[in-house]
């Protein structure tokens, strides 16, 4: 993991070519919101929250590459799929 510099720069846009969700982690999109679930079961709903979680002592960082590029690994845009995710579910048609 990096020294925290990546966490300080939360204003950068997410990378369009972001890789798959790290092993042991889950990415869930529900009701237009993205949640990452850590291997220890902690739900994270924003890049800022994820940075705080990863910088805290005693949190699970399993499956994350070092150095960690936060903007490449964690994508909180519900409209963007990650590598390895299937197509978005059917949407209700507007008539």
PDB file of N, CA and C in Angstrom:
ATOM      1  N   UNK A   1       0.839  -1.169   0.000  1.00  0.00           N
ATOM      2  CA  UNK A   1       0.000   0.000   0.000  1.00  0.00           C
ATOM      3  C   UNK A   1       0.885   1.234   0.000  1.00  0.00           C
ATOM      4  N   UNK A   2       0.409   2.322  -0.549  1.00  0.00           N
ATOM      5  CA  UNK A   2       1.209   3.541  -0.626  1.00  0.00           C
ATOM      6  C   UNK A   2       1.257   4.223   0.726  1.00  0.00           C
ATOM      7  N   UNK A   3       1.971   5.334   0.785  1.00  0.00           N
ATOM      8  CA  UNK A   3       2.131   6.065   2.031  1.00  0.00           C
ATOM      9  C   UNK A   3       0.950   6.973   2.341  1.00  0.00           C
ATOM     10  N   UNK A   4      -0.142   6.882   1.601  1.00  0.00           N
ATOM     11  CA  UNK A   4      -1.312   7.699   1.855  1.00  0.00           C
ATOM     12  C   UNK A   4      -1.509   8.804   0.841  1.00  0.00           C
ATOM     13  N   UNK A   5      -0.518   9.037  -0.034  1.00  0.00           N
ATOM     14  CA  UNK A   5      -0.654  10.101  -1.022  1.00  0.00           C
ATOM     15  C   UNK A   5      -1.864   9.886  -1.913  1.00  0.00           C
ATOM     16  N   UNK A   6      -2.133   8.647  -2.303  1.00  0.00           N
ATOM     17  CA  UNK A   6      -3.286   8.368  -3.158  1.00  0.00           C
ATOM     18  C   UNK A   6      -4.581   8.726  -2.440  1.00  0.00           C
ATOM     19  N   UNK A   7      -4.644   8.504  -1.145  1.00  0.00           N
ATOM     20  CA  UNK A   7      -5.855   8.818  -0.395  1.00  0.00           C
ATOM     21  C   UNK A   7      -6.056  10.322  -0.273  1.00  0.00           C
ATOM     22  N   UNK A   8      -5.009  11.074  -0.317  1.00  0.00           N
ATOM     23  CA  UNK A   8      -5.132  12.522  -0.212  1.00  0.00           C
ATOM     24  C   UNK A   8      -5.695  13.134  -1.492  1.00  0.00           C
ATOM     25  N   UNK A   9      -5.606  12.416  -2.611  1.00  0.00           N
ATOM     26  CA  UNK A   9      -6.049  12.950  -3.897  1.00  0.00           C
ATOM     27  C   UNK A   9      -7.361  12.288  -4.306  1.00  0.00           C
ATOM     28  N   UNK A  10      -8.439  12.561  -3.597  1.00  0.00           N
ATOM     29  CA  UNK A  10      -9.722  11.930  -3.883  1.00  0.00           C
ATOM     30  C   UNK A  10     -10.510  12.676  -4.955  1.00  0.00           C
ATOM     31  N   UNK A  11      -9.959  13.778  -5.483  1.00  0.00           N
ATOM     32  CA  UNK A  11     -10.676  14.535  -6.495  1.00  0.00           C
ATOM     33  C   UNK A  11     -10.388  14.035  -7.909  1.00  0.00           C
ATOM     34  N   UNK A  12      -9.478  13.081  -8.065  1.00  0.00           N
ATOM     35  CA  UNK A  12      -9.173  12.547  -9.392  1.00  0.00           C
ATOM     36  C   UNK A  12     -10.308  11.676  -9.878  1.00  0.00           C
ATOM     37  N   UNK A  13     -10.634  11.720 -11.147  1.00  0.00           N
ATOM     38  CA  UNK A  13     -11.693  10.846 -11.655  1.00  0.00           C
ATOM     39  C   UNK A  13     -11.246   9.397 -11.660  1.00  0.00           C
ATOM     40  N   UNK A  14     -12.219   8.504 -11.578  1.00  0.00           N
ATOM     41  CA  UNK A  14     -11.918   7.073 -11.619  1.00  0.00           C
ATOM     42  C   UNK A  14     -11.360   6.707 -12.983  1.00  0.00           C
ATOM     43  N   UNK A  15     -10.497   5.751 -13.008  1.00  0.00           N
ATOM     44  CA  UNK A  15      -9.882   5.286 -14.249  1.00  0.00           C
ATOM     45  C   UNK A  15     -10.889   4.493 -15.064  1.00  0.00           C
ATOM     46  N   UNK A  16     -11.028   4.807 -16.345  1.00  0.00           N
ATOM     47  CA  UNK A  16     -11.967   4.099 -17.206  1.00  0.00           C
ATOM     48  C   UNK A  16     -11.584   2.650 -17.420  1.00  0.00           C
ATOM     49  N   UNK A  17     -10.298   2.344 -17.348  1.00  0.00           N
ATOM     50  CA  UNK A  17      -9.852   0.982 -17.597  1.00  0.00           C
ATOM     51  C   UNK A  17      -9.489   0.277 -16.292  1.00  0.00           C
ATOM     52  N   UNK A  18     -10.277   0.536 -15.248  1.00  0.00           N
ATOM     53  CA  UNK A  18     -10.004  -0.065 -13.951  1.00  0.00           C
ATOM     54  C   UNK A  18     -10.046  -1.580 -14.048  1.00  0.00           C
ATOM     55  N   UNK A  19      -9.201  -2.213 -13.283  1.00  0.00           N
ATOM     56  CA  UNK A  19      -9.118  -3.667 -13.299  1.00  0.00           C
ATOM     57  C   UNK A  19     -10.235  -4.312 -12.510  1.00  0.00           C
ATOM     58  N   UNK A  20     -10.148  -5.614 -12.346  1.00  0.00           N
ATOM     59  CA  UNK A  20     -11.181  -6.342 -11.622  1.00  0.00           C
ATOM     60  C   UNK A  20     -11.144  -6.027 -10.128  1.00  0.00           C
ATOM     61  N   UNK A  21     -12.202  -6.391  -9.443  1.00  0.00           N
ATOM     62  CA  UNK A  21     -12.278  -6.219  -7.996  1.00  0.00           C
ATOM     63  C   UNK A  21     -11.210  -7.118  -7.365  1.00  0.00           C
ATOM     64  N   UNK A  22     -10.452  -6.605  -6.389  1.00  0.00           N
ATOM     65  CA  UNK A  22      -9.393  -7.417  -5.776  1.00  0.00           C
ATOM     66  C   UNK A  22      -9.934  -8.721  -5.177  1.00  0.00           C
ATOM     67  N   UNK A  23      -9.101  -9.747  -5.200  1.00  0.00           N
ATOM     68  CA  UNK A  23      -9.480 -11.041  -4.649  1.00  0.00           C
ATOM     69  C   UNK A  23      -9.868 -10.886  -3.178  1.00  0.00           C
ATOM     70  N   UNK A  24     -10.992 -11.450  -2.816  1.00  0.00           N
ATOM     71  CA  UNK A  24     -11.464 -11.384  -1.441  1.00  0.00           C
ATOM     72  C   UNK A  24     -12.403 -10.219  -1.185  1.00  0.00           C
ATOM     73  N   UNK A  25     -12.420  -9.239  -2.083  1.00  0.00           N
ATOM     74  CA  UNK A  25     -13.305  -8.084  -1.971  1.00  0.00           C
ATOM     75  C   UNK A  25     -14.528  -8.304  -2.854  1.00  0.00           C
ATOM     76  N   UNK A  26     -15.602  -7.578  -2.597  1.00  0.00           N
ATOM     77  CA  UNK A  26     -16.798  -7.620  -3.429  1.00  0.00           C
ATOM     78  C   UNK A  26     -17.192  -6.197  -3.794  1.00  0.00           C
ATOM     79  N   UNK A  27     -17.770  -6.034  -4.968  1.00  0.00           N
ATOM     80  CA  UNK A  27     -18.321  -4.744  -5.404  1.00  0.00           C
ATOM     81  C   UNK A  27     -19.790  -4.969  -5.705  1.00  0.00           C
ATOM     82  N   UNK A  28     -20.653  -4.234  -5.008  1.00  0.00           N
ATOM     83  CA  UNK A  28     -22.092  -4.389  -5.186  1.00  0.00           C
ATOM     84  C   UNK A  28     -22.689  -3.051  -5.602  1.00  0.00           C
ATOM     85  N   UNK A  29     -23.553  -3.094  -6.610  1.00  0.00           N
ATOM     86  CA  UNK A  29     -24.281  -1.909  -7.042  1.00  0.00           C
ATOM     87  C   UNK A  29     -25.747  -2.177  -6.748  1.00  0.00           C
ATOM     88  N   UNK A  30     -26.317  -1.393  -5.846  1.00  0.00           N
ATOM     89  CA  UNK A  30     -27.707  -1.544  -5.450  1.00  0.00           C
ATOM     90  C   UNK A  30     -28.346  -0.173  -5.342  1.00  0.00           C
ATOM     91  N   UNK A  31     -29.484  -0.013  -6.012  1.00  0.00           N
ATOM     92  CA  UNK A  31     -30.246   1.238  -5.983  1.00  0.00           C
ATOM     93  C   UNK A  31     -29.377   2.444  -6.337  1.00  0.00           C
ATOM     94  N   UNK A  32     -28.501   2.261  -7.320  1.00  0.00           N
ATOM     95  CA  UNK A  32     -27.680   3.362  -7.798  1.00  0.00           C
ATOM     96  C   UNK A  32     -26.492   3.704  -6.914  1.00  0.00           C
ATOM     97  N   UNK A  33     -26.202   2.889  -5.915  1.00  0.00           N
ATOM     98  CA  UNK A  33     -25.070   3.129  -5.020  1.00  0.00           C
ATOM     99  C   UNK A  33     -24.097   1.956  -5.099  1.00  0.00           C
ATOM    100  N   UNK A  34     -22.815   2.272  -5.037  1.00  0.00           N
ATOM    101  CA  UNK A  34     -21.768   1.253  -5.078  1.00  0.00           C
ATOM    102  C   UNK A  34     -21.250   1.038  -3.667  1.00  0.00           C
ATOM    103  N   UNK A  35     -21.113  -0.232  -3.290  1.00  0.00           N
ATOM    104  CA  UNK A  35     -20.496  -0.604  -2.016  1.00  0.00           C
ATOM    105  C   UNK A  35     -19.397  -1.616  -2.300  1.00  0.00           C
ATOM    106  N   UNK A  36     -18.251  -1.407  -1.677  1.00  0.00           N
ATOM    107  CA  UNK A  36     -17.203  -2.412  -1.671  1.00  0.00           C
ATOM    108  C   UNK A  36     -17.257  -3.089  -0.311  1.00  0.00           C
ATOM    109  N   UNK A  37     -17.175  -4.412  -0.313  1.00  0.00           N
ATOM    110  CA  UNK A  37     -17.175  -5.178   0.917  1.00  0.00           C
ATOM    111  C   UNK A  37     -15.770  -5.758   1.079  1.00  0.00           C
ATOM    112  N   UNK A  38     -15.110  -5.408   2.179  1.00  0.00           N
ATOM    113  CA  UNK A  38     -13.755  -5.904   2.438  1.00  0.00           C
ATOM    114  C   UNK A  38     -13.814  -7.379   2.808  1.00  0.00           C
ATOM    115  N   UNK A  39     -12.678  -8.067   2.785  1.00  0.00           N
ATOM    116  CA  UNK A  39     -12.658  -9.476   3.186  1.00  0.00           C
ATOM    117  C   UNK A  39     -13.162  -9.701   4.614  1.00  0.00           C
ATOM    118  N   UNK A  40     -13.069  -8.680   5.461  1.00  0.00           N
ATOM    119  CA  UNK A  40     -13.546  -8.819   6.841  1.00  0.00           C
ATOM    120  C   UNK A  40     -15.015  -8.435   6.990  1.00  0.00           C
ATOM    121  N   UNK A  41     -15.669  -8.055   5.869  1.00  0.00           N
ATOM    122  CA  UNK A  41     -17.099  -7.759   5.903  1.00  0.00           C
ATOM    123  C   UNK A  41     -17.465  -6.302   6.082  1.00  0.00           C
ATOM    124  N   UNK A  42     -16.507  -5.398   6.070  1.00  0.00           N
ATOM    125  CA  UNK A  42     -16.789  -3.974   6.213  1.00  0.00           C
ATOM    126  C   UNK A  42     -17.292  -3.406   4.894  1.00  0.00           C
ATOM    127  N   UNK A  43     -18.452  -2.728   4.932  1.00  0.00           N
ATOM    128  CA  UNK A  43     -19.030  -2.107   3.741  1.00  0.00           C
ATOM    129  C   UNK A  43     -18.503  -0.684   3.615  1.00  0.00           C
ATOM    130  N   UNK A  44     -18.009  -0.342   2.417  1.00  0.00           N
ATOM    131  CA  UNK A  44     -17.425   0.972   2.152  1.00  0.00           C
ATOM    132  C   UNK A  44     -18.171   1.597   0.985  1.00  0.00           C
ATOM    133  N   UNK A  45     -18.643   2.840   1.154  1.00  0.00           N
ATOM    134  CA  UNK A  45     -19.519   3.449   0.153  1.00  0.00           C
ATOM    135  C   UNK A  45     -18.947   4.676  -0.543  1.00  0.00           C
ATOM    136  N   UNK A  46     -17.696   5.027  -0.265  1.00  0.00           N
ATOM    137  CA  UNK A  46     -17.079   6.159  -0.952  1.00  0.00           C
ATOM    138  C   UNK A  46     -15.564   5.983  -0.947  1.00  0.00           C
ATOM    139  N   UNK A  47     -14.902   6.712  -1.824  1.00  0.00           N
ATOM    140  CA  UNK A  47     -13.444   6.656  -1.877  1.00  0.00           C
ATOM    141  C   UNK A  47     -12.848   7.189  -0.571  1.00  0.00           C
ATOM    142  N   UNK A  48     -13.443   8.244  -0.024  1.00  0.00           N
ATOM    143  CA  UNK A  48     -12.945   8.819   1.224  1.00  0.00           C
ATOM    144  C   UNK A  48     -13.061   7.824   2.367  1.00  0.00           C
ATOM    145  N   UNK A  49     -14.213   7.134   2.450  1.00  0.00           N
ATOM    146  CA  UNK A  49     -14.426   6.140   3.493  1.00  0.00           C
ATOM    147  C   UNK A  49     -13.445   4.972   3.321  1.00  0.00           C
ATOM    148  N   UNK A  50     -13.210   4.579   2.082  1.00  0.00           N
ATOM    149  CA  UNK A  50     -12.288   3.487   1.795  1.00  0.00           C
ATOM    150  C   UNK A  50     -10.864   3.868   2.202  1.00  0.00           C
ATOM    151  N   UNK A  51     -10.459   5.090   1.900  1.00  0.00           N
ATOM    152  CA  UNK A  51      -9.129   5.560   2.299  1.00  0.00           C
ATOM    153  C   UNK A  51      -8.980   5.532   3.821  1.00  0.00           C
ATOM    154  N   UNK A  52      -9.975   6.042   4.534  1.00  0.00           N
ATOM    155  CA  UNK A  52      -9.922   6.058   5.997  1.00  0.00           C
ATOM    156  C   UNK A  52      -9.829   4.635   6.536  1.00  0.00           C
ATOM    157  N   UNK A  53     -10.595   3.728   5.950  1.00  0.00           N
ATOM    158  CA  UNK A  53     -10.570   2.325   6.365  1.00  0.00           C
ATOM    159  C   UNK A  53      -9.182   1.724   6.157  1.00  0.00           C
ATOM    160  N   UNK A  54      -8.618   1.921   4.980  1.00  0.00           N
ATOM    161  CA  UNK A  54      -7.322   1.316   4.658  1.00  0.00           C
ATOM    162  C   UNK A  54      -6.167   1.917   5.456  1.00  0.00           C
ATOM    163  N   UNK A  55      -6.290   3.167   5.849  1.00  0.00           N
ATOM    164  CA  UNK A  55      -5.231   3.817   6.616  1.00  0.00           C
ATOM    165  C   UNK A  55      -5.314   3.508   8.109  1.00  0.00           C
ATOM    166  N   UNK A  56      -6.441   2.979   8.566  1.00  0.00           N
ATOM    167  CA  UNK A  56      -6.605   2.663   9.985  1.00  0.00           C
ATOM    168  C   UNK A  56      -5.831   1.393  10.337  1.00  0.00           C
ATOM    169  N   UNK A  57      -5.294   1.349  11.534  1.00  0.00           N
ATOM    170  CA  UNK A  57      -4.581   0.167  12.003  1.00  0.00           C
ATOM    171  C   UNK A  57      -5.560  -0.986  12.196  1.00  0.00           C
ATOM    172  N   UNK A  58      -5.119  -2.193  11.865  1.00  0.00           N
ATOM    173  CA  UNK A  58      -5.902  -3.383  12.125  1.00  0.00           C
ATOM    174  C   UNK A  58      -6.984  -3.699  11.117  1.00  0.00           C
ATOM    175  N   UNK A  59      -7.031  -2.973   9.991  1.00  0.00           N
ATOM    176  CA  UNK A  59      -8.040  -3.263   8.974  1.00  0.00           C
ATOM    177  C   UNK A  59      -7.471  -4.230   7.943  1.00  0.00           C
ATOM    178  N   UNK A  60      -8.371  -4.957   7.304  1.00  0.00           N
ATOM    179  CA  UNK A  60      -7.966  -5.965   6.330  1.00  0.00           C
ATOM    180  C   UNK A  60      -7.599  -5.308   5.001  1.00  0.00           C
ATOM    181  N   UNK A  61      -6.380  -5.555   4.568  1.00  0.00           N
ATOM    182  CA  UNK A  61      -5.901  -5.033   3.290  1.00  0.00           C
ATOM    183  C   UNK A  61      -5.582  -6.183   2.332  1.00  0.00           C
ATOM    184  N   UNK A  62      -6.121  -7.353   2.658  1.00  0.00           N
ATOM    185  CA  UNK A  62      -5.880  -8.557   1.864  1.00  0.00           C
ATOM    186  C   UNK A  62      -6.348  -8.366   0.432  1.00  0.00           C
ATOM    187  N   UNK A  63      -5.576  -8.884  -0.509  1.00  0.00           N
ATOM    188  CA  UNK A  63      -5.955  -8.857  -1.914  1.00  0.00           C
ATOM    189  C   UNK A  63      -5.580  -7.581  -2.648  1.00  0.00           C
ATOM    190  N   UNK A  64      -5.071  -6.583  -1.943  1.00  0.00           N
ATOM    191  CA  UNK A  64      -4.717  -5.308  -2.573  1.00  0.00           C
ATOM    192  C   UNK A  64      -3.248  -5.301  -2.971  1.00  0.00           C
ATOM    193  N   UNK A  65      -2.968  -4.773  -4.157  1.00  0.00           N
ATOM    194  CA  UNK A  65      -1.592  -4.683  -4.635  1.00  0.00           C
ATOM    195  C   UNK A  65      -0.858  -3.569  -3.913  1.00  0.00           C
ATOM    196  N   UNK A  66       0.439  -3.666  -3.911  1.00  0.00           N
ATOM    197  CA  UNK A  66       1.273  -2.644  -3.315  1.00  0.00           C
ATOM    198  C   UNK A  66       2.284  -2.200  -4.372  1.00  0.00           C
ATOM    199  N   UNK A  67       2.402  -0.918  -4.667  1.00  0.00           N
ATOM    200  CA  UNK A  67       1.646   0.181  -4.080  1.00  0.00           C
ATOM    201  C   UNK A  67       0.216   0.215  -4.614  1.00  0.00           C
ATOM    202  N   UNK A  68      -0.679   0.729  -3.810  1.00  0.00           N
ATOM    203  CA  UNK A  68      -2.099   0.766  -4.138  1.00  0.00           C
ATOM    204  C   UNK A  68      -2.442   2.055  -4.885  1.00  0.00           C
ATOM    205  N   UNK A  69      -3.092   1.914  -6.027  1.00  0.00           N
ATOM    206  CA  UNK A  69      -3.627   3.061  -6.772  1.00  0.00           C
ATOM    207  C   UNK A  69      -5.130   3.077  -6.526  1.00  0.00           C
ATOM    208  N   UNK A  70      -5.561   3.885  -5.570  1.00  0.00           N
ATOM    209  CA  UNK A  70      -6.965   3.923  -5.142  1.00  0.00           C
ATOM    210  C   UNK A  70      -7.928   4.154  -6.303  1.00  0.00           C
ATOM    211  N   UNK A  71      -7.577   5.061  -7.202  1.00  0.00           N
ATOM    212  CA  UNK A  71      -8.480   5.441  -8.293  1.00  0.00           C
ATOM    213  C   UNK A  71      -8.596   4.351  -9.353  1.00  0.00           C
ATOM    214  N   UNK A  72      -7.646   3.454  -9.384  1.00  0.00           N
ATOM    215  CA  UNK A  72      -7.704   2.359 -10.336  1.00  0.00           C
ATOM    216  C   UNK A  72      -8.441   1.157  -9.754  1.00  0.00           C
ATOM    217  N   UNK A  73      -8.304   0.944  -8.463  1.00  0.00           N
ATOM    218  CA  UNK A  73      -8.878  -0.230  -7.811  1.00  0.00           C
ATOM    219  C   UNK A  73     -10.329  -0.025  -7.409  1.00  0.00           C
ATOM    220  N   UNK A  74     -10.661   1.126  -6.852  1.00  0.00           N
ATOM    221  CA  UNK A  74     -12.005   1.371  -6.327  1.00  0.00           C
ATOM    222  C   UNK A  74     -12.742   2.377  -7.204  1.00  0.00           C
ATOM    223  N   UNK A  75     -13.847   1.924  -7.798  1.00  0.00           N
ATOM    224  CA  UNK A  75     -14.644   2.750  -8.702  1.00  0.00           C
ATOM    225  C   UNK A  75     -16.060   2.835  -8.121  1.00  0.00           C
ATOM    226  N   UNK A  76     -16.446   4.009  -7.646  1.00  0.00           N
ATOM    227  CA  UNK A  76     -17.751   4.196  -7.012  1.00  0.00           C
ATOM    228  C   UNK A  76     -18.798   4.770  -7.964  1.00  0.00           C
ATOM    229  N   UNK A  77     -18.519   4.754  -9.254  1.00  0.00           N
ATOM    230  CA  UNK A  77     -19.498   5.198 -10.248  1.00  0.00           C
ATOM    231  C   UNK A  77     -20.416   4.018 -10.557  1.00  0.00           C
ATOM    232  N   UNK A  78     -21.710   4.098 -10.197  1.00  0.00           N
ATOM    233  CA  UNK A  78     -22.609   2.960 -10.426  1.00  0.00           C
ATOM    234  C   UNK A  78     -22.858   2.677 -11.901  1.00  0.00           C
ATOM    235  N   UNK A  79     -22.558   3.611 -12.779  1.00  0.00           N
ATOM    236  CA  UNK A  79     -22.766   3.423 -14.205  1.00  0.00           C
ATOM    237  C   UNK A  79     -21.624   2.713 -14.898  1.00  0.00           C
ATOM    238  N   UNK A  80     -20.522   2.552 -14.230  1.00  0.00           N
ATOM    239  CA  UNK A  80     -19.353   1.902 -14.827  1.00  0.00           C
ATOM    240  C   UNK A  80     -19.214   0.500 -14.286  1.00  0.00           C
ATOM    241  N   UNK A  81     -19.053  -0.430 -15.214  1.00  0.00           N
ATOM    242  CA  UNK A  81     -18.822  -1.811 -14.830  1.00  0.00           C
ATOM    243  C   UNK A  81     -17.336  -2.046 -14.649  1.00  0.00           C
ATOM    244  N   UNK A  82     -17.011  -3.013 -13.846  1.00  0.00           N
ATOM    245  CA  UNK A  82     -15.632  -3.414 -13.638  1.00  0.00           C
ATOM    246  C   UNK A  82     -15.334  -4.589 -14.547  1.00  0.00           C
ATOM    247  N   UNK A  83     -14.073  -4.828 -14.816  1.00  0.00           N
ATOM    248  CA  UNK A  83     -13.696  -6.007 -15.583  1.00  0.00           C
ATOM    249  C   UNK A  83     -14.191  -7.238 -14.846  1.00  0.00           C
ATOM    250  N   UNK A  84     -14.791  -8.153 -15.570  1.00  0.00           N
ATOM    251  CA  UNK A  84     -15.285  -9.370 -14.957  1.00  0.00           C
ATOM    252  C   UNK A  84     -16.728  -9.286 -14.514  1.00  0.00           C
ATOM    253  N   UNK A  85     -17.340  -8.095 -14.532  1.00  0.00           N
ATOM    254  CA  UNK A  85     -18.746  -7.967 -14.168  1.00  0.00           C
ATOM    255  C   UNK A  85     -19.593  -8.161 -15.410  1.00  0.00           C
ATOM    256  N   UNK A  86     -20.740  -8.742 -15.232  1.00  0.00           N
ATOM    257  CA  UNK A  86     -21.659  -8.934 -16.335  1.00  0.00           C
ATOM    258  C   UNK A  86     -22.328  -7.633 -16.713  1.00  0.00           C
ATOM    259  N   UNK A  87     -23.177  -7.665 -17.722  1.00  0.00           N
ATOM    260  CA  UNK A  87     -23.878  -6.459 -18.132  1.00  0.00           C
ATOM    261  C   UNK A  87     -24.846  -6.014 -17.043  1.00  0.00           C
ATOM    262  N   UNK A  88     -25.203  -4.725 -17.026  1.00  0.00           N
ATOM    263  CA  UNK A  88     -26.143  -4.258 -16.015  1.00  0.00           C
ATOM    264  C   UNK A  88     -27.497  -4.947 -16.205  1.00  0.00           C
ATOM    265  N   UNK A  89     -28.230  -5.061 -15.120  1.00  0.00           N
ATOM    266  CA  UNK A  89     -29.541  -5.687 -15.155  1.00  0.00           C
ATOM    267  C   UNK A  89     -30.521  -4.881 -15.975  1.00  0.00           C
ATOM    268  N   UNK A  90     -31.690  -5.478 -16.286  1.00  0.00           N
ATOM    269  CA  UNK A  90     -32.690  -4.765 -17.078  1.00  0.00           C
ATOM    270  C   UNK A  90     -33.202  -3.539 -16.312  1.00  0.00           C
ATOM    271  N   UNK A  91     -33.468  -2.497 -17.061  1.00  0.00           N
ATOM    272  CA  UNK A  91     -33.996  -1.265 -16.463  1.00  0.00           C
ATOM    273  C   UNK A  91     -35.465  -1.145 -16.832  1.00  0.00           C
ATOM    274  N   UNK A  92     -36.206  -0.554 -15.941  1.00  0.00           N
ATOM    275  CA  UNK A  92     -37.629  -0.351 -16.215  1.00  0.00           C
ATOM    276  C   UNK A  92     -37.766   0.658 -17.346  1.00  0.00           C
ATOM    277  N   UNK A  93     -38.597   0.337 -18.309  1.00  0.00           N
ATOM    278  CA  UNK A  93     -38.768   1.264 -19.430  1.00  0.00           C
ATOM    279  C   UNK A  93     -39.669   2.403 -19.023  1.00  0.00           C
ATOM    280  N   UNK A  94     -39.406   3.553 -19.577  1.00  0.00           N
ATOM    281  CA  UNK A  94     -40.202   4.737 -19.301  1.00  0.00           C
ATOM    282  C   UNK A  94     -41.166   4.934 -20.447  1.00  0.00           C
ATOM    283  N   UNK A  95     -42.443   4.959 -20.155  1.00  0.00           N
ATOM    284  CA  UNK A  95     -43.453   5.148 -21.201  1.00  0.00           C
ATOM    285  C   UNK A  95     -44.187   6.425 -21.031  1.00  0.00           C
TER     286      UNK A  95
END
